[in-house]
Structure formats: structure tokens, C-alpha cells
């Protein structure tokens, strides 16, 4: 998952402390409701240590009742190999929260072996990739990709049955 919409600057002027905007927090919560509605079950949410990613991860982890962990491997500028390392650390099903263009490159790498972008992540967008074993280059199968607006619509849909 790419972090939600963030402020253009932070009070201390550093990229590390740029927060989600109020609208970004609301949109991330709506996306998290969509994930819940889809029946997504996770063991953990692992996030970049940058504030906007941590705020995104907190909202999603709470909605999905998942453990929350922070990994420097997901900091802005992460390589596909660093992102794979972060995905391998926890056991079970994991949702990673980080930054673009890092995640777009990593998804392409995991699906095709090439880092040229195949999916351009929207903020609070989520991609589900399945692996037969551990995550590795060109070893993933794309299950689905949903943008935050699509997830929000799913979260608003009336229950069937």
C-alpha cells in the first residue's frame, strides 16, 4: 500500500515528518473500510518510518486488527530488494506501507523481474501479490490492484444477503 495523501511540507521542513492531510487520513480510513469489506485478513502491517506512512499504517492496522511494525527497509528510496526483505521478516500475510516510485518499481520487479513501472500506485492504493514461497524477483502472481476510490466505494456498499 502506498501511503495516503500527505501535506506538501512539515512544520520542521523535513520530508520525514510530513503528515497525512485531514483529507488523506479520511481517504485512507475509507480505503481501509474497503479492505475490511473485501475480507482481507492480515497478520501484520509493516511500514516505513516516515510519518505519513506510519499514519497510513496505523489506520489500516487498526481497521484490519493486524500487528503493526516499522521497518527502515521501507524508507523513501527503498530498493526492490529492501522491500522484499521487509516483506519476509514477519510471518503470515503482510501488508507493506511505503512510498512511490519505490513500490511501483518493486511490484514490477516482483511480477516481471524488471523494475520498469507496470503499475503506477495511487496514494492509498493496494496491490495483492501471491507467492508460492517467499517473495522474490518475478515470483509473484498479481491477484488484484485497487485504487483508494475503488476501495472507498467497496467500504460504502451495503451488505448483501
N, C-alpha and C. Protein backbone atom coordinates (compact mmCIF):
# COMPACT_ATOMS: atom_id res chain seq x y z
N UNK A 1 0.85 -1.17 0.00
CA UNK A 1 0.00 0.00 0.00
C UNK A 1 0.90 1.23 0.00
N UNK A 2 0.53 2.15 -0.84
CA UNK A 2 1.23 3.43 -0.84
C UNK A 2 0.58 4.31 0.22
N UNK A 3 1.39 5.12 0.90
CA UNK A 3 0.84 5.98 1.95
C UNK A 3 -0.25 6.88 1.38
N UNK A 4 -1.11 7.39 2.27
CA UNK A 4 -2.19 8.27 1.87
C UNK A 4 -1.70 9.67 1.50
N UNK A 5 -2.61 10.52 1.00
CA UNK A 5 -2.26 11.88 0.61
C UNK A 5 -1.67 12.66 1.79
N UNK A 6 -0.52 13.26 1.55
CA UNK A 6 0.23 13.94 2.61
C UNK A 6 0.38 15.43 2.33
N UNK A 7 0.69 16.16 3.38
CA UNK A 7 0.96 17.59 3.27
C UNK A 7 2.18 17.82 2.40
N UNK A 8 2.25 18.97 1.76
CA UNK A 8 3.39 19.30 0.91
C UNK A 8 4.65 19.58 1.72
N UNK A 9 4.47 19.99 2.98
CA UNK A 9 5.63 20.28 3.83
C UNK A 9 5.27 19.92 5.27
N UNK A 10 6.29 19.98 6.13
CA UNK A 10 6.08 19.69 7.54
C UNK A 10 6.49 20.90 8.36
N UNK A 11 6.06 20.97 9.62
CA UNK A 11 6.44 22.12 10.46
C UNK A 11 7.96 22.29 10.61
N UNK A 12 8.69 21.16 10.62
CA UNK A 12 10.15 21.28 10.77
C UNK A 12 10.88 21.31 9.43
N UNK A 13 10.10 21.26 8.33
CA UNK A 13 10.69 21.37 7.00
C UNK A 13 11.34 20.12 6.45
N UNK A 14 11.21 18.99 7.15
CA UNK A 14 11.82 17.75 6.67
C UNK A 14 10.78 16.85 6.00
N UNK A 15 11.23 16.06 5.07
CA UNK A 15 10.36 15.10 4.40
C UNK A 15 9.90 14.02 5.37
N UNK A 16 10.75 13.66 6.30
CA UNK A 16 10.48 12.57 7.24
C UNK A 16 9.23 12.81 8.09
N UNK A 17 8.91 14.07 8.36
CA UNK A 17 7.81 14.38 9.27
C UNK A 17 6.58 14.97 8.56
N UNK A 18 6.51 14.81 7.23
CA UNK A 18 5.31 15.27 6.54
C UNK A 18 4.13 14.38 6.94
N UNK A 19 3.06 14.96 7.48
CA UNK A 19 1.91 14.17 7.92
C UNK A 19 0.90 13.96 6.79
N UNK A 20 -0.02 13.04 7.04
CA UNK A 20 -1.19 12.94 6.16
C UNK A 20 -2.00 14.22 6.33
N UNK A 21 -2.66 14.63 5.28
CA UNK A 21 -3.62 15.72 5.42
C UNK A 21 -4.87 15.15 6.09
N UNK A 22 -5.76 16.02 6.57
CA UNK A 22 -7.02 15.54 7.15
C UNK A 22 -7.79 14.74 6.10
N UNK A 23 -7.82 15.26 4.87
CA UNK A 23 -8.50 14.56 3.79
C UNK A 23 -7.80 13.22 3.51
N UNK A 24 -6.46 13.22 3.56
CA UNK A 24 -5.70 12.00 3.35
C UNK A 24 -6.00 10.95 4.39
N UNK A 25 -6.14 11.38 5.64
CA UNK A 25 -6.49 10.45 6.73
C UNK A 25 -7.89 9.87 6.48
N UNK A 26 -8.85 10.74 6.08
CA UNK A 26 -10.21 10.27 5.80
C UNK A 26 -10.23 9.30 4.63
N UNK A 27 -9.48 9.62 3.57
CA UNK A 27 -9.43 8.75 2.40
C UNK A 27 -8.77 7.41 2.73
N UNK A 28 -7.76 7.43 3.57
CA UNK A 28 -7.10 6.19 3.98
C UNK A 28 -8.04 5.34 4.82
N UNK A 29 -8.81 5.98 5.71
CA UNK A 29 -9.78 5.24 6.51
C UNK A 29 -10.85 4.62 5.62
N UNK A 30 -11.28 5.34 4.59
CA UNK A 30 -12.28 4.79 3.66
C UNK A 30 -11.69 3.60 2.89
N UNK A 31 -10.43 3.70 2.49
CA UNK A 31 -9.77 2.58 1.81
C UNK A 31 -9.66 1.38 2.75
N UNK A 32 -9.35 1.63 4.01
CA UNK A 32 -9.25 0.55 4.99
C UNK A 32 -10.60 -0.14 5.18
N UNK A 33 -11.69 0.63 5.18
CA UNK A 33 -13.02 0.02 5.27
C UNK A 33 -13.28 -0.88 4.06
N UNK A 34 -12.81 -0.45 2.90
CA UNK A 34 -12.94 -1.28 1.71
C UNK A 34 -12.19 -2.59 1.83
N UNK A 35 -10.99 -2.53 2.38
CA UNK A 35 -10.21 -3.75 2.60
C UNK A 35 -10.94 -4.69 3.56
N UNK A 36 -11.52 -4.11 4.61
CA UNK A 36 -12.28 -4.90 5.57
C UNK A 36 -13.47 -5.56 4.87
N UNK A 37 -14.15 -4.79 4.04
CA UNK A 37 -15.32 -5.29 3.31
C UNK A 37 -14.95 -6.41 2.35
N UNK A 38 -13.73 -6.33 1.79
CA UNK A 38 -13.25 -7.40 0.90
C UNK A 38 -12.90 -8.67 1.67
N UNK A 39 -12.85 -8.57 2.99
CA UNK A 39 -12.50 -9.73 3.80
C UNK A 39 -11.00 -9.96 3.90
N UNK A 40 -10.21 -8.91 3.66
CA UNK A 40 -8.75 -9.03 3.76
C UNK A 40 -8.39 -9.34 5.21
N UNK A 41 -7.61 -10.37 5.39
CA UNK A 41 -7.12 -10.77 6.72
C UNK A 41 -5.61 -10.72 6.68
N UNK A 42 -5.03 -10.03 7.63
CA UNK A 42 -3.57 -9.87 7.68
C UNK A 42 -3.05 -10.26 9.05
N UNK A 43 -1.81 -10.71 9.07
CA UNK A 43 -1.14 -10.93 10.34
C UNK A 43 -0.44 -9.66 10.80
N UNK A 44 0.10 -8.91 9.83
CA UNK A 44 0.81 -7.69 10.21
C UNK A 44 0.81 -6.66 9.09
N UNK A 45 1.01 -5.42 9.52
CA UNK A 45 1.21 -4.28 8.63
C UNK A 45 2.60 -3.76 8.96
N UNK A 46 3.47 -3.70 7.95
CA UNK A 46 4.84 -3.22 8.15
C UNK A 46 4.97 -1.90 7.38
N UNK A 47 5.48 -0.89 8.05
CA UNK A 47 5.50 0.44 7.48
C UNK A 47 6.88 1.09 7.47
N UNK A 48 7.02 2.00 6.54
CA UNK A 48 8.16 2.92 6.52
C UNK A 48 8.13 3.74 7.80
N UNK A 49 9.27 4.21 8.28
CA UNK A 49 9.28 5.04 9.48
C UNK A 49 8.89 6.50 9.23
N UNK A 50 8.67 6.89 7.98
CA UNK A 50 8.27 8.26 7.71
C UNK A 50 6.84 8.47 8.19
N UNK A 51 6.57 9.64 8.75
CA UNK A 51 5.31 9.92 9.44
C UNK A 51 4.08 9.60 8.60
N UNK A 52 4.04 10.04 7.35
CA UNK A 52 2.85 9.84 6.54
C UNK A 52 2.55 8.35 6.32
N UNK A 53 3.60 7.55 6.18
CA UNK A 53 3.42 6.10 6.02
C UNK A 53 2.97 5.48 7.35
N UNK A 54 3.58 5.92 8.45
CA UNK A 54 3.18 5.38 9.75
C UNK A 54 1.73 5.70 10.07
N UNK A 55 1.28 6.92 9.73
CA UNK A 55 -0.12 7.28 9.97
C UNK A 55 -1.05 6.43 9.11
N UNK A 56 -0.67 6.18 7.88
CA UNK A 56 -1.45 5.31 6.99
C UNK A 56 -1.53 3.91 7.59
N UNK A 57 -0.39 3.38 7.99
CA UNK A 57 -0.32 2.02 8.54
C UNK A 57 -1.14 1.88 9.81
N UNK A 58 -1.12 2.89 10.68
CA UNK A 58 -1.90 2.84 11.92
C UNK A 58 -3.39 2.70 11.63
N UNK A 59 -3.89 3.47 10.66
CA UNK A 59 -5.31 3.42 10.29
C UNK A 59 -5.65 2.03 9.76
N UNK A 60 -4.83 1.49 8.86
CA UNK A 60 -5.11 0.20 8.24
C UNK A 60 -4.97 -0.94 9.25
N UNK A 61 -3.92 -0.91 10.04
CA UNK A 61 -3.71 -1.97 11.04
C UNK A 61 -4.88 -2.02 12.03
N UNK A 62 -5.36 -0.86 12.45
CA UNK A 62 -6.49 -0.84 13.38
C UNK A 62 -7.75 -1.41 12.73
N UNK A 63 -8.02 -1.01 11.49
CA UNK A 63 -9.21 -1.49 10.78
C UNK A 63 -9.17 -2.99 10.55
N UNK A 64 -7.98 -3.52 10.27
CA UNK A 64 -7.83 -4.95 9.96
C UNK A 64 -7.40 -5.80 11.15
N UNK A 65 -7.27 -5.13 12.31
CA UNK A 65 -6.86 -5.81 13.54
C UNK A 65 -5.57 -6.61 13.35
N UNK A 66 -4.59 -5.94 12.77
CA UNK A 66 -3.29 -6.56 12.48
C UNK A 66 -2.20 -5.92 13.35
N UNK A 67 -1.15 -6.68 13.58
CA UNK A 67 0.01 -6.15 14.30
C UNK A 67 0.69 -5.09 13.43
N UNK A 68 1.30 -4.11 14.08
CA UNK A 68 1.98 -3.03 13.37
C UNK A 68 3.47 -3.09 13.67
N UNK A 69 4.29 -2.99 12.63
CA UNK A 69 5.75 -2.97 12.78
C UNK A 69 6.32 -1.91 11.86
N UNK A 70 7.47 -1.37 12.23
CA UNK A 70 8.17 -0.36 11.44
C UNK A 70 9.45 -0.97 10.90
N UNK A 71 9.76 -0.69 9.63
CA UNK A 71 10.98 -1.20 9.01
C UNK A 71 11.68 -0.09 8.24
N UNK A 72 12.94 0.14 8.57
CA UNK A 72 13.74 1.11 7.82
C UNK A 72 13.91 0.68 6.37
N UNK A 73 13.74 -0.61 6.08
CA UNK A 73 13.84 -1.10 4.70
C UNK A 73 12.80 -0.46 3.78
N UNK A 74 11.74 0.12 4.36
CA UNK A 74 10.67 0.71 3.57
C UNK A 74 10.75 2.23 3.48
N UNK A 75 11.83 2.82 3.98
CA UNK A 75 12.01 4.27 3.90
C UNK A 75 11.98 4.73 2.45
N UNK A 76 11.69 6.01 2.24
CA UNK A 76 11.68 6.56 0.88
C UNK A 76 13.02 6.26 0.20
N UNK A 77 12.97 5.83 -1.05
CA UNK A 77 14.17 5.47 -1.78
C UNK A 77 14.51 3.99 -1.68
N UNK A 78 13.59 3.19 -1.12
CA UNK A 78 13.83 1.75 -0.93
C UNK A 78 13.99 1.05 -2.27
N UNK A 79 14.92 0.11 -2.32
CA UNK A 79 15.12 -0.73 -3.50
C UNK A 79 14.15 -1.91 -3.45
N UNK A 80 13.90 -2.56 -4.58
CA UNK A 80 13.06 -3.75 -4.55
C UNK A 80 13.59 -4.81 -3.58
N UNK A 81 14.89 -4.99 -3.49
CA UNK A 81 15.45 -5.98 -2.56
C UNK A 81 15.18 -5.60 -1.11
N UNK A 82 15.24 -4.32 -0.78
CA UNK A 82 14.93 -3.87 0.59
C UNK A 82 13.46 -4.12 0.90
N UNK A 83 12.59 -3.86 -0.06
CA UNK A 83 11.16 -4.08 0.14
C UNK A 83 10.88 -5.58 0.32
N UNK A 84 11.56 -6.42 -0.43
CA UNK A 84 11.42 -7.87 -0.26
C UNK A 84 11.89 -8.28 1.13
N UNK A 85 12.99 -7.72 1.61
CA UNK A 85 13.47 -8.02 2.97
C UNK A 85 12.40 -7.69 4.00
N UNK A 86 11.77 -6.53 3.85
CA UNK A 86 10.73 -6.12 4.80
C UNK A 86 9.54 -7.08 4.76
N UNK A 87 9.21 -7.58 3.58
CA UNK A 87 8.08 -8.50 3.43
C UNK A 87 8.37 -9.86 4.04
N UNK A 88 9.63 -10.25 4.07
CA UNK A 88 10.00 -11.58 4.56
C UNK A 88 10.12 -11.65 6.09
N UNK A 89 10.26 -10.51 6.75
CA UNK A 89 10.51 -10.53 8.20
C UNK A 89 9.36 -11.09 9.01
N UNK A 90 8.14 -10.59 8.84
CA UNK A 90 7.05 -11.16 9.65
C UNK A 90 6.53 -12.46 9.05
N UNK A 91 5.91 -13.26 9.88
CA UNK A 91 5.28 -14.50 9.41
C UNK A 91 3.84 -14.19 9.00
N UNK A 92 3.34 -14.96 8.05
CA UNK A 92 1.95 -14.83 7.65
C UNK A 92 1.74 -13.79 6.56
N UNK A 93 0.49 -13.36 6.44
CA UNK A 93 0.11 -12.40 5.41
C UNK A 93 0.44 -10.99 5.88
N UNK A 94 1.08 -10.23 5.00
CA UNK A 94 1.63 -8.93 5.36
C UNK A 94 1.16 -7.87 4.38
N UNK A 95 0.88 -6.69 4.90
CA UNK A 95 0.65 -5.52 4.06
C UNK A 95 1.78 -4.55 4.35
N UNK A 96 2.46 -4.11 3.29
CA UNK A 96 3.55 -3.15 3.43
C UNK A 96 3.02 -1.76 3.10
N UNK A 97 3.49 -0.76 3.84
CA UNK A 97 3.12 0.63 3.58
C UNK A 97 4.39 1.42 3.33
N UNK A 98 4.45 2.07 2.16
CA UNK A 98 5.66 2.81 1.82
C UNK A 98 5.39 3.89 0.80
N UNK A 99 6.35 4.07 -0.08
CA UNK A 99 6.41 5.25 -0.94
C UNK A 99 6.56 4.87 -2.41
N UNK A 100 6.25 5.84 -3.24
CA UNK A 100 6.46 5.70 -4.67
C UNK A 100 7.53 6.71 -5.09
N UNK A 101 8.32 6.40 -6.07
CA UNK A 101 8.17 5.33 -7.06
C UNK A 101 8.67 3.97 -6.59
N UNK A 102 9.11 3.86 -5.34
CA UNK A 102 9.68 2.62 -4.83
C UNK A 102 8.74 1.42 -4.99
N UNK A 103 7.49 1.58 -4.56
CA UNK A 103 6.56 0.46 -4.60
C UNK A 103 6.18 0.08 -6.02
N UNK A 104 6.01 1.07 -6.88
CA UNK A 104 5.68 0.75 -8.28
C UNK A 104 6.80 -0.07 -8.91
N UNK A 105 8.05 0.31 -8.66
CA UNK A 105 9.20 -0.45 -9.18
C UNK A 105 9.25 -1.84 -8.57
N UNK A 106 9.00 -1.94 -7.27
CA UNK A 106 9.07 -3.24 -6.59
C UNK A 106 7.98 -4.18 -7.09
N UNK A 107 6.78 -3.67 -7.31
CA UNK A 107 5.70 -4.52 -7.82
C UNK A 107 6.08 -5.07 -9.19
N UNK A 108 6.59 -4.21 -10.05
CA UNK A 108 7.02 -4.67 -11.38
C UNK A 108 8.10 -5.74 -11.24
N UNK A 109 9.06 -5.51 -10.36
CA UNK A 109 10.17 -6.43 -10.11
C UNK A 109 9.65 -7.79 -9.63
N UNK A 110 8.69 -7.76 -8.71
CA UNK A 110 8.14 -9.00 -8.17
C UNK A 110 7.30 -9.78 -9.18
N UNK A 111 6.67 -9.05 -10.10
CA UNK A 111 5.82 -9.71 -11.09
C UNK A 111 6.55 -10.10 -12.36
N UNK A 112 7.50 -9.25 -12.80
CA UNK A 112 8.14 -9.46 -14.11
C UNK A 112 9.65 -9.63 -14.06
N UNK A 113 10.26 -9.24 -12.95
CA UNK A 113 11.71 -9.26 -12.85
C UNK A 113 12.36 -7.97 -13.32
N UNK A 114 11.56 -7.04 -13.82
CA UNK A 114 12.05 -5.76 -14.33
C UNK A 114 11.52 -4.64 -13.44
N UNK A 115 12.33 -3.62 -13.18
CA UNK A 115 11.88 -2.54 -12.31
C UNK A 115 11.14 -1.42 -13.05
N UNK A 116 11.03 -1.54 -14.38
CA UNK A 116 10.23 -0.53 -15.10
C UNK A 116 8.78 -0.65 -14.65
N UNK A 117 8.19 0.48 -14.34
CA UNK A 117 6.86 0.52 -13.74
C UNK A 117 5.79 -0.10 -14.62
N UNK A 118 5.09 -1.09 -14.05
CA UNK A 118 3.96 -1.71 -14.73
C UNK A 118 2.65 -1.21 -14.10
N UNK A 119 2.70 -0.88 -12.81
CA UNK A 119 1.55 -0.35 -12.08
C UNK A 119 1.99 0.94 -11.43
N UNK A 120 1.28 2.01 -11.70
CA UNK A 120 1.57 3.29 -11.08
C UNK A 120 0.62 3.46 -9.89
N UNK A 121 1.15 3.32 -8.70
CA UNK A 121 0.33 3.36 -7.50
C UNK A 121 -0.32 4.70 -7.26
N UNK A 122 -1.58 4.67 -6.93
CA UNK A 122 -2.28 5.85 -6.42
C UNK A 122 -2.03 5.88 -4.91
N UNK A 123 -2.11 7.07 -4.32
CA UNK A 123 -1.97 7.15 -2.87
C UNK A 123 -3.08 6.32 -2.23
N UNK A 124 -2.75 5.55 -1.23
CA UNK A 124 -3.63 4.61 -0.54
C UNK A 124 -4.12 3.49 -1.45
N UNK A 125 -3.47 3.29 -2.59
CA UNK A 125 -3.78 2.16 -3.45
C UNK A 125 -3.14 0.90 -2.88
N UNK A 126 -3.76 -0.24 -3.18
CA UNK A 126 -3.28 -1.52 -2.65
C UNK A 126 -3.19 -2.53 -3.78
N UNK A 127 -2.08 -3.27 -3.79
CA UNK A 127 -1.90 -4.36 -4.73
C UNK A 127 -1.73 -5.65 -3.92
N UNK A 128 -2.40 -6.72 -4.35
CA UNK A 128 -2.26 -8.02 -3.69
C UNK A 128 -1.46 -8.93 -4.61
N UNK A 129 -0.35 -9.41 -4.09
CA UNK A 129 0.53 -10.31 -4.83
C UNK A 129 0.68 -11.59 -4.02
N UNK A 130 0.56 -12.72 -4.70
CA UNK A 130 0.70 -14.02 -4.05
C UNK A 130 2.00 -14.67 -4.50
N UNK A 131 2.65 -15.36 -3.56
CA UNK A 131 3.89 -16.09 -3.84
C UNK A 131 3.72 -17.53 -3.40
N UNK A 132 4.27 -18.45 -4.19
CA UNK A 132 4.23 -19.86 -3.79
C UNK A 132 5.10 -20.09 -2.56
N UNK A 133 6.20 -19.38 -2.50
CA UNK A 133 7.10 -19.47 -1.34
C UNK A 133 7.35 -18.03 -0.88
N UNK A 134 8.56 -17.71 -0.56
CA UNK A 134 8.92 -16.36 -0.12
C UNK A 134 8.90 -15.39 -1.30
N UNK A 135 8.64 -14.09 -1.03
CA UNK A 135 8.70 -13.09 -2.11
C UNK A 135 10.07 -13.09 -2.77
N UNK A 136 10.06 -13.03 -4.12
CA UNK A 136 11.32 -13.00 -4.87
C UNK A 136 11.06 -12.39 -6.24
N UNK A 137 12.15 -12.04 -6.92
CA UNK A 137 12.08 -11.44 -8.25
C UNK A 137 11.31 -12.34 -9.20
N UNK A 138 10.33 -11.75 -9.89
CA UNK A 138 9.49 -12.43 -10.89
C UNK A 138 8.78 -13.66 -10.33
N UNK A 139 8.61 -13.73 -9.01
CA UNK A 139 7.99 -14.90 -8.40
C UNK A 139 6.55 -14.70 -7.96
N UNK A 140 6.01 -13.50 -8.21
CA UNK A 140 4.67 -13.20 -7.73
C UNK A 140 3.60 -13.32 -8.80
N UNK A 141 2.38 -13.54 -8.33
CA UNK A 141 1.20 -13.54 -9.19
C UNK A 141 0.29 -12.41 -8.71
N UNK A 142 -0.09 -11.53 -9.63
CA UNK A 142 -0.97 -10.43 -9.29
C UNK A 142 -2.37 -10.96 -9.04
N UNK A 143 -2.91 -10.72 -7.86
CA UNK A 143 -4.28 -11.11 -7.54
C UNK A 143 -5.24 -9.97 -7.85
N UNK A 144 -4.89 -8.75 -7.41
CA UNK A 144 -5.71 -7.57 -7.71
C UNK A 144 -4.95 -6.30 -7.35
N UNK A 145 -5.42 -5.20 -7.94
CA UNK A 145 -4.93 -3.85 -7.62
C UNK A 145 -6.15 -2.94 -7.56
N UNK A 146 -6.29 -2.24 -6.46
CA UNK A 146 -7.40 -1.31 -6.29
C UNK A 146 -6.89 0.04 -5.83
N UNK A 147 -7.44 1.09 -6.41
CA UNK A 147 -7.11 2.45 -6.02
C UNK A 147 -7.97 2.83 -4.81
N UNK A 148 -7.58 3.90 -4.12
CA UNK A 148 -8.30 4.27 -2.89
C UNK A 148 -9.77 4.56 -3.14
N UNK A 149 -10.11 5.18 -4.26
CA UNK A 149 -11.51 5.46 -4.57
C UNK A 149 -12.33 4.19 -4.74
N UNK A 150 -11.74 3.20 -5.38
CA UNK A 150 -12.43 1.92 -5.55
C UNK A 150 -12.62 1.24 -4.20
N UNK A 151 -11.58 1.28 -3.36
CA UNK A 151 -11.70 0.70 -2.03
C UNK A 151 -12.75 1.43 -1.21
N UNK A 152 -12.78 2.76 -1.31
CA UNK A 152 -13.77 3.54 -0.57
C UNK A 152 -15.19 3.16 -0.99
N UNK A 153 -15.41 2.99 -2.29
CA UNK A 153 -16.73 2.58 -2.77
C UNK A 153 -17.12 1.21 -2.22
N UNK A 154 -16.16 0.31 -2.19
CA UNK A 154 -16.43 -1.02 -1.61
C UNK A 154 -16.82 -0.92 -0.14
N UNK A 155 -16.14 -0.03 0.58
CA UNK A 155 -16.43 0.15 2.00
C UNK A 155 -17.78 0.78 2.27
N UNK A 156 -18.32 1.51 1.29
CA UNK A 156 -19.62 2.16 1.44
C UNK A 156 -20.77 1.28 0.97
N UNK A 157 -20.48 0.26 0.19
CA UNK A 157 -21.53 -0.58 -0.40
C UNK A 157 -22.34 -1.26 0.70
N UNK A 158 -23.68 -1.34 0.52
CA UNK A 158 -24.49 -2.03 1.52
C UNK A 158 -24.17 -3.52 1.56
N UNK A 159 -24.29 -4.10 2.72
CA UNK A 159 -24.03 -5.54 2.87
C UNK A 159 -25.05 -6.34 2.07
N UNK A 160 -24.59 -7.40 1.43
CA UNK A 160 -25.51 -8.25 0.68
C UNK A 160 -25.99 -9.38 1.56
N UNK A 161 -27.09 -9.96 1.17
CA UNK A 161 -27.57 -11.14 1.88
C UNK A 161 -28.70 -10.84 2.72
